[in-house]
Each structure stands twice: as C-alpha cells, then as structure tokens.
Amino acid sequence: MKKRPVIVCVFLSALILIAQRSNAGVVIEEKVRDREGKASQVVLSCAGDRLRTDASAEGLTTIIDLKDDRIVLIDHRSHSYVETALSQWEKEISKQLKQENPGVRPTARAITVRQSGERATINGFKTRKIQVLADGELIEEHWMTRNIDMREADRMMDKANQIFSREFRSEIREGQEIQNKLKPYGFSILVKDHTLTSGLKGIDVLEIKKIAHKELKDEVFLPPAGYERVVPRPEKK
C-alpha cells in the first residue's frame, strides 16, 4: 500500500501537533519512528506562524516561517545552514517527488473513523482510542485527548493546507481528510500505523511525551550565531 510522501507527512504532522495559547509558544517533546523502525526524539517549538523542529540524534534543525515565506535547514555537526524561500522549497520537493514517482498519483480512498470504546492514560494524558479506516481497512489508530486547546492548531493547520495545496494537493488530500474527521475527538497523543505490519498490532509511529507552554524568543527561530550560511549551487541543465 502506497504511503504519503514522508517529507510532506512529517511537516504536516508537526503542524497538526501545534497547540498554543494566544500569546504563548509551545514546546512538544515526542518520539517518532520511521518506516525502517528507527525511533528518534524530536522537539517541536512553535509561536505564531513560526515552527522549529529539532532532531538531536541527527543533529538537524528545521525552522519554518509561514508569514515570511522562509525555511531554514540547520546542520549542527557542520555548523552550517541553508536558508531559502518556503515556496521555492515546495516547488523543488514537488519536482523531486515527480521524478521519483513519474505518473504516480495516490488513489482516492473512502476514509472513515470510529471509536473503539477503549481508554488509557498515556504520559499523564487521559485518552481514548479512535480508529481510521480507508476503504474499510484499518490503517491508523489514534489515542486522543480533549484536554488541550486546539483552536490555534486549527488556524495554523488551515493556513498550512492552503500553502501546501499549491504543490502537494494530491499527496496531502487524504491526510487532510483524516485530520478533519479526527478533529472532533481532540488531540493525538499516540499514533499507531497498521499499514507497516501484517499483524494485528500497529506500530507506534508517534508518541507525545510532554507539552509545555512558554514564551519563545525570536532567537529560537534564527540560525545560531557563528554558523556558516551555505548557498546551494544551481543544478546544471
């Protein structure tokens, strides 16, 4: 079964996890697992229209500013970074996806969600299990809580959808539909993927460890002082 492109899903998942107050930022500590089963710790920091993700094990940081159309990719191991327009980055990634999968477009599937009745306390959050089905097949399992204010998350998600729909309309359509149908149930604390295994149990692909509301200064969304800016060379035609 074909999965949505990873790079698009990671960005959208990060946006979905934003749960901020009116003037405060939010820091979310989470554990994510890739297709190969490798787990890593990721920290998301968000304030206003700015988002930062830190993957400490890889030594990588990504900063996205929706308002100023800006994305910064930071490599802490080489003390360098690349900064470009987010809109230009979208076009380049879209081009790359088309080259890797020429003529391939995700097939539209009927998405439904259902409550299982199961409840659990996960990392201090009271949750209940919601299942996601595509054409009647179980594909995801979300343990969700209603204890978090999602109004700012909804606003941020709507803005991101508008931006990314320009280049990734077909790739993100299903993800948008899933999130819209999950929205009434709250916020995902634990997500299990049932498409990565043929067994009855899903694979944990996302787990929220901690959420903290705090003031985030502008420096959080800038490259560290002393880091070298790298200007990519244009591709030869």
C-alpha atoms as a PDB file:
ATOM      1  CA  MET A   1       0.000   0.000   0.000  1.00  0.00           C
ATOM      2  CA  LYS A   2       1.436   3.328  -1.021  1.00  0.00           C
ATOM      3  CA  LYS A   3       2.125   5.764   1.809  1.00  0.00           C
ATOM      4  CA  ARG A   4       2.046   9.541   1.547  1.00  0.00           C
ATOM      5  CA  PRO A   5       5.479  11.081   0.827  1.00  0.00           C
ATOM      6  CA  VAL A   6       7.450  11.144   4.066  1.00  0.00           C
ATOM      7  CA  ILE A   7       8.789  14.690   3.849  1.00  0.00           C
ATOM      8  CA  VAL A   8       5.292  16.115   3.356  1.00  0.00           C
ATOM      9  CA  CYS A   9       3.795  13.984   6.126  1.00  0.00           C
ATOM     10  CA  VAL A  10       6.464  14.964   8.645  1.00  0.00           C
ATOM     11  CA  PHE A  11       5.807  18.658   8.073  1.00  0.00           C
ATOM     12  CA  LEU A  12       2.033  18.296   8.242  1.00  0.00           C
ATOM     13  CA  SER A  13       2.254  16.116  11.346  1.00  0.00           C
ATOM     14  CA  ALA A  14       4.339  18.795  13.024  1.00  0.00           C
ATOM     15  CA  LEU A  15       1.724  21.418  12.236  1.00  0.00           C
ATOM     16  CA  ILE A  16      -1.100  19.191  13.450  1.00  0.00           C
ATOM     17  CA  LEU A  17       0.660  18.885  16.821  1.00  0.00           C
ATOM     18  CA  ILE A  18       0.715  22.660  17.453  1.00  0.00           C
ATOM     19  CA  ALA A  19      -1.479  23.531  20.437  1.00  0.00           C
ATOM     20  CA  GLN A  20      -0.630  27.086  21.563  1.00  0.00           C
ATOM     21  CA  ARG A  21      -2.247  29.796  23.645  1.00  0.00           C
ATOM     22  CA  SER A  22      -2.978  33.303  22.357  1.00  0.00           C
ATOM     23  CA  ASN A  23       0.404  34.942  23.134  1.00  0.00           C
ATOM     24  CA  ALA A  24       2.495  31.983  24.340  1.00  0.00           C
ATOM     25  CA  GLY A  25       4.609  29.480  22.474  1.00  0.00           C
ATOM     26  CA  VAL A  26       4.516  25.743  22.949  1.00  0.00           C
ATOM     27  CA  VAL A  27       7.257  23.120  23.161  1.00  0.00           C
ATOM     28  CA  ILE A  28       6.339  19.496  22.428  1.00  0.00           C
ATOM     29  CA  GLU A  29       8.639  16.573  23.140  1.00  0.00           C
ATOM     30  CA  GLU A  30       7.833  13.488  21.095  1.00  0.00           C
ATOM     31  CA  LYS A  31       9.157  10.153  19.927  1.00  0.00           C
ATOM     32  CA  VAL A  32       8.781   9.280  16.248  1.00  0.00           C
ATOM     33  CA  ARG A  33       9.530   6.116  14.305  1.00  0.00           C
ATOM     34  CA  ASP A  34      10.374   5.939  10.580  1.00  0.00           C
ATOM     35  CA  ARG A  35       9.436   3.246   8.033  1.00  0.00           C
ATOM     36  CA  GLU A  36      12.534   1.228   8.873  1.00  0.00           C
ATOM     37  CA  GLY A  37      11.539   1.126  12.535  1.00  0.00           C
ATOM     38  CA  LYS A  38      14.196   3.557  13.778  1.00  0.00           C
ATOM     39  CA  ALA A  39      12.973   5.626  16.726  1.00  0.00           C
ATOM     40  CA  SER A  40      14.188   9.154  17.446  1.00  0.00           C
ATOM     41  CA  GLN A  41      13.407  12.023  19.785  1.00  0.00           C
ATOM     42  CA  VAL A  42      12.091  15.242  18.262  1.00  0.00           C
ATOM     43  CA  VAL A  43      11.308  18.569  19.895  1.00  0.00           C
ATOM     44  CA  LEU A  44       8.795  20.920  18.266  1.00  0.00           C
ATOM     45  CA  SER A  45       8.719  24.611  19.178  1.00  0.00           C
ATOM     46  CA  CYS A  46       6.020  26.905  17.845  1.00  0.00           C
ATOM     47  CA  ALA A  47       4.943  30.517  18.301  1.00  0.00           C
ATOM     48  CA  GLY A  48       2.639  32.426  15.989  1.00  0.00           C
ATOM     49  CA  ASP A  49       3.392  31.466  12.377  1.00  0.00           C
ATOM     50  CA  ARG A  50       6.831  30.031  13.169  1.00  0.00           C
ATOM     51  CA  LEU A  51       7.735  26.401  13.746  1.00  0.00           C
ATOM     52  CA  ARG A  52      11.015  24.753  14.712  1.00  0.00           C
ATOM     53  CA  THR A  53      11.814  21.029  14.815  1.00  0.00           C
ATOM     54  CA  ASP A  54      14.950  19.650  16.473  1.00  0.00           C
ATOM     55  CA  ALA A  55      16.112  16.081  15.826  1.00  0.00           C
ATOM     56  CA  SER A  56      19.010  15.848  18.260  1.00  0.00           C
ATOM     57  CA  ALA A  57      20.227  12.383  17.229  1.00  0.00           C
ATOM     58  CA  GLU A  58      20.682  13.533  13.625  1.00  0.00           C
ATOM     59  CA  GLY A  59      21.982  16.961  14.618  1.00  0.00           C
ATOM     60  CA  LEU A  60      19.399  18.644  12.393  1.00  0.00           C
ATOM     61  CA  THR A  61      17.050  21.573  12.927  1.00  0.00           C
ATOM     62  CA  THR A  62      14.352  22.891  10.601  1.00  0.00           C
ATOM     63  CA  ILE A  63      12.794  26.329  11.013  1.00  0.00           C
ATOM     64  CA  ILE A  64       9.691  27.320   9.051  1.00  0.00           C
ATOM     65  CA  ASP A  65       8.151  30.786   8.945  1.00  0.00           C
ATOM     66  CA  LEU A  66       4.829  30.761   7.100  1.00  0.00           C
ATOM     67  CA  LYS A  67       4.334  34.521   7.266  1.00  0.00           C
ATOM     68  CA  ASP A  68       7.745  35.436   5.826  1.00  0.00           C
ATOM     69  CA  ASP A  69       7.836  32.506   3.347  1.00  0.00           C
ATOM     70  CA  ARG A  70      11.074  31.165   4.818  1.00  0.00           C
ATOM     71  CA  ILE A  71      12.622  27.796   5.619  1.00  0.00           C
ATOM     72  CA  VAL A  72      15.992  27.242   7.315  1.00  0.00           C
ATOM     73  CA  LEU A  73      17.743  23.853   7.361  1.00  0.00           C
ATOM     74  CA  ILE A  74      20.470  23.710  10.021  1.00  0.00           C
ATOM     75  CA  ASP A  75      23.224  21.080  10.313  1.00  0.00           C
ATOM     76  CA  HIS A  76      24.721  21.356  13.806  1.00  0.00           C
ATOM     77  CA  ARG A  77      27.502  18.878  13.042  1.00  0.00           C
ATOM     78  CA  SER A  78      28.987  21.093  10.348  1.00  0.00           C
ATOM     79  CA  HIS A  79      27.861  24.360  11.990  1.00  0.00           C
ATOM     80  CA  SER A  80      26.197  25.447   8.775  1.00  0.00           C
ATOM     81  CA  TYR A  81      22.726  26.180   7.430  1.00  0.00           C
ATOM     82  CA  VAL A  82      20.757  26.715   4.243  1.00  0.00           C
ATOM     83  CA  GLU A  83      18.010  29.335   4.053  1.00  0.00           C
ATOM     84  CA  THR A  84      15.561  29.673   1.192  1.00  0.00           C
ATOM     85  CA  ALA A  85      12.008  30.708   0.377  1.00  0.00           C
ATOM     86  CA  LEU A  86       9.472  28.139   1.563  1.00  0.00           C
ATOM     87  CA  SER A  87       7.554  28.471  -1.709  1.00  0.00           C
ATOM     88  CA  GLN A  88      10.713  27.667  -3.692  1.00  0.00           C
ATOM     89  CA  TRP A  89      11.475  24.695  -1.432  1.00  0.00           C
ATOM     90  CA  GLU A  90       7.968  23.369  -2.066  1.00  0.00           C
ATOM     91  CA  LYS A  91       8.498  23.512  -5.822  1.00  0.00           C
ATOM     92  CA  GLU A  92      11.833  21.686  -5.570  1.00  0.00           C
ATOM     93  CA  ILE A  93      10.420  18.921  -3.371  1.00  0.00           C
ATOM     94  CA  SER A  94       7.394  18.577  -5.639  1.00  0.00           C
ATOM     95  CA  LYS A  95       9.712  18.241  -8.641  1.00  0.00           C
ATOM     96  CA  GLN A  96      11.768  15.620  -6.818  1.00  0.00           C
ATOM     97  CA  LEU A  97       8.691  13.568  -5.938  1.00  0.00           C
ATOM     98  CA  LYS A  98       7.504  13.642  -9.539  1.00  0.00           C
ATOM     99  CA  GLN A  99      10.910  12.473 -10.761  1.00  0.00           C
ATOM    100  CA  GLU A 100      10.999   9.616  -8.239  1.00  0.00           C
ATOM    101  CA  ASN A 101       7.415   8.558  -8.977  1.00  0.00           C
ATOM    102  CA  PRO A 102       6.633   9.657 -12.565  1.00  0.00           C
ATOM    103  CA  GLY A 103       2.950   9.429 -13.380  1.00  0.00           C
ATOM    104  CA  VAL A 104       2.092   8.053  -9.928  1.00  0.00           C
ATOM    105  CA  ARG A 105      -0.812   9.662  -8.088  1.00  0.00           C
ATOM    106  CA  PRO A 106      -2.358   8.469  -4.811  1.00  0.00           C
ATOM    107  CA  THR A 107      -5.633   6.631  -5.307  1.00  0.00           C
ATOM    108  CA  ALA A 108      -8.584   8.247  -3.557  1.00  0.00           C
ATOM    109  CA  ARG A 109      -9.961   6.073  -0.756  1.00  0.00           C
ATOM    110  CA  ALA A 110     -13.077   6.370   1.405  1.00  0.00           C
ATOM    111  CA  ILE A 111     -11.937   7.499   4.872  1.00  0.00           C
ATOM    112  CA  THR A 112     -13.967   6.722   7.977  1.00  0.00           C
ATOM    113  CA  VAL A 113     -13.215   6.966  11.712  1.00  0.00           C
ATOM    114  CA  ARG A 114     -14.764   5.080  14.612  1.00  0.00           C
ATOM    115  CA  GLN A 115     -14.499   4.959  18.407  1.00  0.00           C
ATOM    116  CA  SER A 116     -13.416   1.682  19.938  1.00  0.00           C
ATOM    117  CA  GLY A 117     -14.528   2.400  23.490  1.00  0.00           C
ATOM    118  CA  GLU A 118     -11.022   1.726  24.858  1.00  0.00           C
ATOM    119  CA  ARG A 119      -9.462   4.303  27.182  1.00  0.00           C
ATOM    120  CA  ALA A 120      -5.972   4.718  28.668  1.00  0.00           C
ATOM    121  CA  THR A 121      -3.809   7.253  30.451  1.00  0.00           C
ATOM    122  CA  ILE A 122      -0.671   7.879  28.364  1.00  0.00           C
ATOM    123  CA  ASN A 123       2.136  10.107  29.684  1.00  0.00           C
ATOM    124  CA  GLY A 124      -0.338  11.785  32.004  1.00  0.00           C
ATOM    125  CA  PHE A 125      -3.000  12.393  29.331  1.00  0.00           C
ATOM    126  CA  LYS A 126      -6.410  10.719  29.543  1.00  0.00           C
ATOM    127  CA  THR A 127      -7.063   9.301  26.074  1.00  0.00           C
ATOM    128  CA  ARG A 128      -9.481   7.158  24.113  1.00  0.00           C
ATOM    129  CA  LYS A 129      -8.791   5.106  21.008  1.00  0.00           C
ATOM    130  CA  ILE A 130     -10.063   6.238  17.610  1.00  0.00           C
ATOM    131  CA  GLN A 131      -9.540   4.018  14.561  1.00  0.00           C
ATOM    132  CA  VAL A 132      -9.040   5.305  10.997  1.00  0.00           C
ATOM    133  CA  LEU A 133     -10.130   3.133   8.077  1.00  0.00           C
ATOM    134  CA  ALA A 134      -9.518   3.512   4.336  1.00  0.00           C
ATOM    135  CA  ASP A 135     -11.963   1.602   2.129  1.00  0.00           C
ATOM    136  CA  GLY A 136     -12.912  -0.347   5.252  1.00  0.00           C
ATOM    137  CA  GLU A 137      -9.311  -1.349   6.077  1.00  0.00           C
ATOM    138  CA  LEU A 138      -7.750  -0.267   9.389  1.00  0.00           C
ATOM    139  CA  ILE A 139      -4.759   1.976   8.617  1.00  0.00           C
ATOM    140  CA  GLU A 140      -4.225   4.090  11.750  1.00  0.00           C
ATOM    141  CA  GLU A 141      -5.014   4.100  15.463  1.00  0.00           C
ATOM    142  CA  HIS A 142      -5.060   7.371  17.406  1.00  0.00           C
ATOM    143  CA  TRP A 143      -5.166   7.650  21.200  1.00  0.00           C
ATOM    144  CA  MET A 144      -6.665  11.102  21.640  1.00  0.00           C
ATOM    145  CA  THR A 145      -7.298  13.610  24.427  1.00  0.00           C
ATOM    146  CA  ARG A 146      -9.615  16.596  24.727  1.00  0.00           C
ATOM    147  CA  ASN A 147      -7.553  18.234  27.470  1.00  0.00           C
ATOM    148  CA  ILE A 148      -5.680  20.547  25.077  1.00  0.00           C
ATOM    149  CA  ASP A 149      -6.885  23.764  23.442  1.00  0.00           C
ATOM    150  CA  MET A 150      -6.860  23.142  19.668  1.00  0.00           C
ATOM    151  CA  ARG A 151      -8.149  26.487  18.348  1.00  0.00           C
ATOM    152  CA  GLU A 152      -4.736  27.845  17.388  1.00  0.00           C
ATOM    153  CA  ALA A 153      -3.769  24.458  15.953  1.00  0.00           C
ATOM    154  CA  ASP A 154      -6.809  24.555  13.676  1.00  0.00           C
ATOM    155  CA  ARG A 155      -5.902  28.048  12.478  1.00  0.00           C
ATOM    156  CA  MET A 156      -2.307  27.032  11.790  1.00  0.00           C
ATOM    157  CA  MET A 157      -3.356  23.842  10.012  1.00  0.00           C
ATOM    158  CA  ASP A 158      -5.785  25.672   7.747  1.00  0.00           C
ATOM    159  CA  LYS A 159      -3.061  28.128   6.738  1.00  0.00           C
ATOM    160  CA  ALA A 160      -0.559  25.323   6.083  1.00  0.00           C
ATOM    161  CA  ASN A 161      -3.093  23.420   3.989  1.00  0.00           C
ATOM    162  CA  GLN A 162      -3.662  26.467   1.822  1.00  0.00           C
ATOM    163  CA  ILE A 163       0.065  26.877   1.250  1.00  0.00           C
ATOM    164  CA  PHE A 164       0.935  23.232   0.614  1.00  0.00           C
ATOM    165  CA  SER A 165      -2.088  22.574  -1.573  1.00  0.00           C
ATOM    166  CA  ARG A 166      -0.385  24.564  -4.309  1.00  0.00           C
ATOM    167  CA  GLU A 167       2.277  21.893  -4.850  1.00  0.00           C
ATOM    168  CA  PHE A 168       1.084  18.791  -2.965  1.00  0.00           C
ATOM    169  CA  ARG A 169      -2.677  18.783  -3.495  1.00  0.00           C
ATOM    170  CA  SER A 170      -2.984  15.085  -4.375  1.00  0.00           C
ATOM    171  CA  GLU A 171      -0.368  13.939  -1.840  1.00  0.00           C
ATOM    172  CA  ILE A 172      -1.946  15.616   1.194  1.00  0.00           C
ATOM    173  CA  ARG A 173      -5.647  15.249   0.339  1.00  0.00           C
ATOM    174  CA  GLU A 174      -6.054  12.025   2.318  1.00  0.00           C
ATOM    175  CA  GLY A 175      -4.088  13.358   5.284  1.00  0.00           C
ATOM    176  CA  GLN A 176      -6.281  16.460   5.376  1.00  0.00           C
ATOM    177  CA  GLU A 177      -9.421  14.356   5.325  1.00  0.00           C
ATOM    178  CA  ILE A 178      -8.161  12.142   8.161  1.00  0.00           C
ATOM    179  CA  GLN A 179      -7.304  15.122  10.355  1.00  0.00           C
ATOM    180  CA  ASN A 180     -10.635  16.829   9.664  1.00  0.00           C
ATOM    181  CA  LYS A 181     -12.500  13.698  10.727  1.00  0.00           C
ATOM    182  CA  LEU A 182     -10.332  13.235  13.837  1.00  0.00           C
ATOM    183  CA  LYS A 183     -10.664  16.874  14.930  1.00  0.00           C
ATOM    184  CA  PRO A 184     -13.896  16.408  16.953  1.00  0.00           C
ATOM    185  CA  TYR A 185     -12.123  13.817  19.121  1.00  0.00           C
ATOM    186  CA  GLY A 186      -9.294  16.111  20.235  1.00  0.00           C
ATOM    187  CA  PHE A 187      -5.509  15.770  20.043  1.00  0.00           C
ATOM    188  CA  SER A 188      -3.416  12.686  19.160  1.00  0.00           C
ATOM    189  CA  ILE A 189      -1.077  11.625  21.975  1.00  0.00           C
ATOM    190  CA  LEU A 190      -0.155   8.246  20.476  1.00  0.00           C
ATOM    191  CA  VAL A 191      -0.438   7.176  16.818  1.00  0.00           C
ATOM    192  CA  LYS A 192      -0.104   3.588  15.614  1.00  0.00           C
ATOM    193  CA  ASP A 193       0.326   2.716  11.925  1.00  0.00           C
ATOM    194  CA  HIS A 194      -1.341  -0.513  10.787  1.00  0.00           C
ATOM    195  CA  THR A 195      -0.006  -0.404   7.217  1.00  0.00           C
ATOM    196  CA  LEU A 196       3.581  -1.198   8.242  1.00  0.00           C
ATOM    197  CA  THR A 197       2.791  -4.675   9.552  1.00  0.00           C
ATOM    198  CA  SER A 198       0.635  -7.619   8.585  1.00  0.00           C
ATOM    199  CA  GLY A 199      -0.048  -8.457  12.232  1.00  0.00           C
ATOM    200  CA  LEU A 200      -2.959  -7.388  14.422  1.00  0.00           C
ATOM    201  CA  LYS A 201      -0.965  -4.772  16.322  1.00  0.00           C
ATOM    202  CA  GLY A 202       0.006  -1.429  14.852  1.00  0.00           C
ATOM    203  CA  ILE A 203       3.467   0.110  15.035  1.00  0.00           C
ATOM    204  CA  ASP A 204       3.919   3.194  17.241  1.00  0.00           C
ATOM    205  CA  VAL A 205       4.975   5.977  14.867  1.00  0.00           C
ATOM    206  CA  LEU A 206       4.320   8.988  17.100  1.00  0.00           C
ATOM    207  CA  GLU A 207       4.115   9.452  20.867  1.00  0.00           C
ATOM    208  CA  ILE A 208       3.804  12.751  22.718  1.00  0.00           C
ATOM    209  CA  LYS A 209       5.952  12.713  25.842  1.00  0.00           C
ATOM    210  CA  LYS A 210       5.469  16.247  27.171  1.00  0.00           C
ATOM    211  CA  ILE A 211       3.802  19.540  26.281  1.00  0.00           C
ATOM    212  CA  ALA A 212       4.879  22.839  27.842  1.00  0.00           C
ATOM    213  CA  HIS A 213       3.556  26.341  27.184  1.00  0.00           C
ATOM    214  CA  LYS A 214       6.240  29.000  27.452  1.00  0.00           C
ATOM    215  CA  GLU A 215       7.459  32.244  25.919  1.00  0.00           C
ATOM    216  CA  LEU A 216       9.698  31.646  22.888  1.00  0.00           C
ATOM    217  CA  LYS A 217      12.058  34.447  21.936  1.00  0.00           C
ATOM    218  CA  ASP A 218      12.845  35.410  18.328  1.00  0.00           C
ATOM    219  CA  GLU A 219      16.299  33.836  18.647  1.00  0.00           C
ATOM    220  CA  VAL A 220      14.677  30.393  18.782  1.00  0.00           C
ATOM    221  CA  PHE A 221      13.669  30.813  15.133  1.00  0.00           C
ATOM    222  CA  LEU A 222      17.056  32.043  13.866  1.00  0.00           C
ATOM    223  CA  PRO A 223      20.272  30.146  12.967  1.00  0.00           C
ATOM    224  CA  PRO A 224      22.813  30.014  15.826  1.00  0.00           C
ATOM    225  CA  ALA A 225      25.393  32.791  15.885  1.00  0.00           C
ATOM    226  CA  GLY A 226      28.626  31.829  14.179  1.00  0.00           C
ATOM    227  CA  TYR A 227      27.094  29.243  11.854  1.00  0.00           C
ATOM    228  CA  GLU A 228      28.043  29.498   8.165  1.00  0.00           C
ATOM    229  CA  ARG A 229      25.337  30.061   5.593  1.00  0.00           C
ATOM    230  CA  VAL A 230      25.703  27.705   2.631  1.00  0.00           C
ATOM    231  CA  VAL A 231      24.357  28.787  -0.749  1.00  0.00           C
ATOM    232  CA  PRO A 232      23.417  25.737  -2.871  1.00  0.00           C
ATOM    233  CA  ARG A 233      24.753  25.683  -6.396  1.00  0.00           C
ATOM    234  CA  PRO A 234      22.071  25.767  -9.085  1.00  0.00           C
ATOM    235  CA  GLU A 235      21.542  22.480 -10.924  1.00  0.00           C
ATOM    236  CA  LYS A 236      23.080  22.244 -14.356  1.00  0.00           C
ATOM    237  CA  LYS A 237      20.553  21.868 -17.152  1.00  0.00           C
END
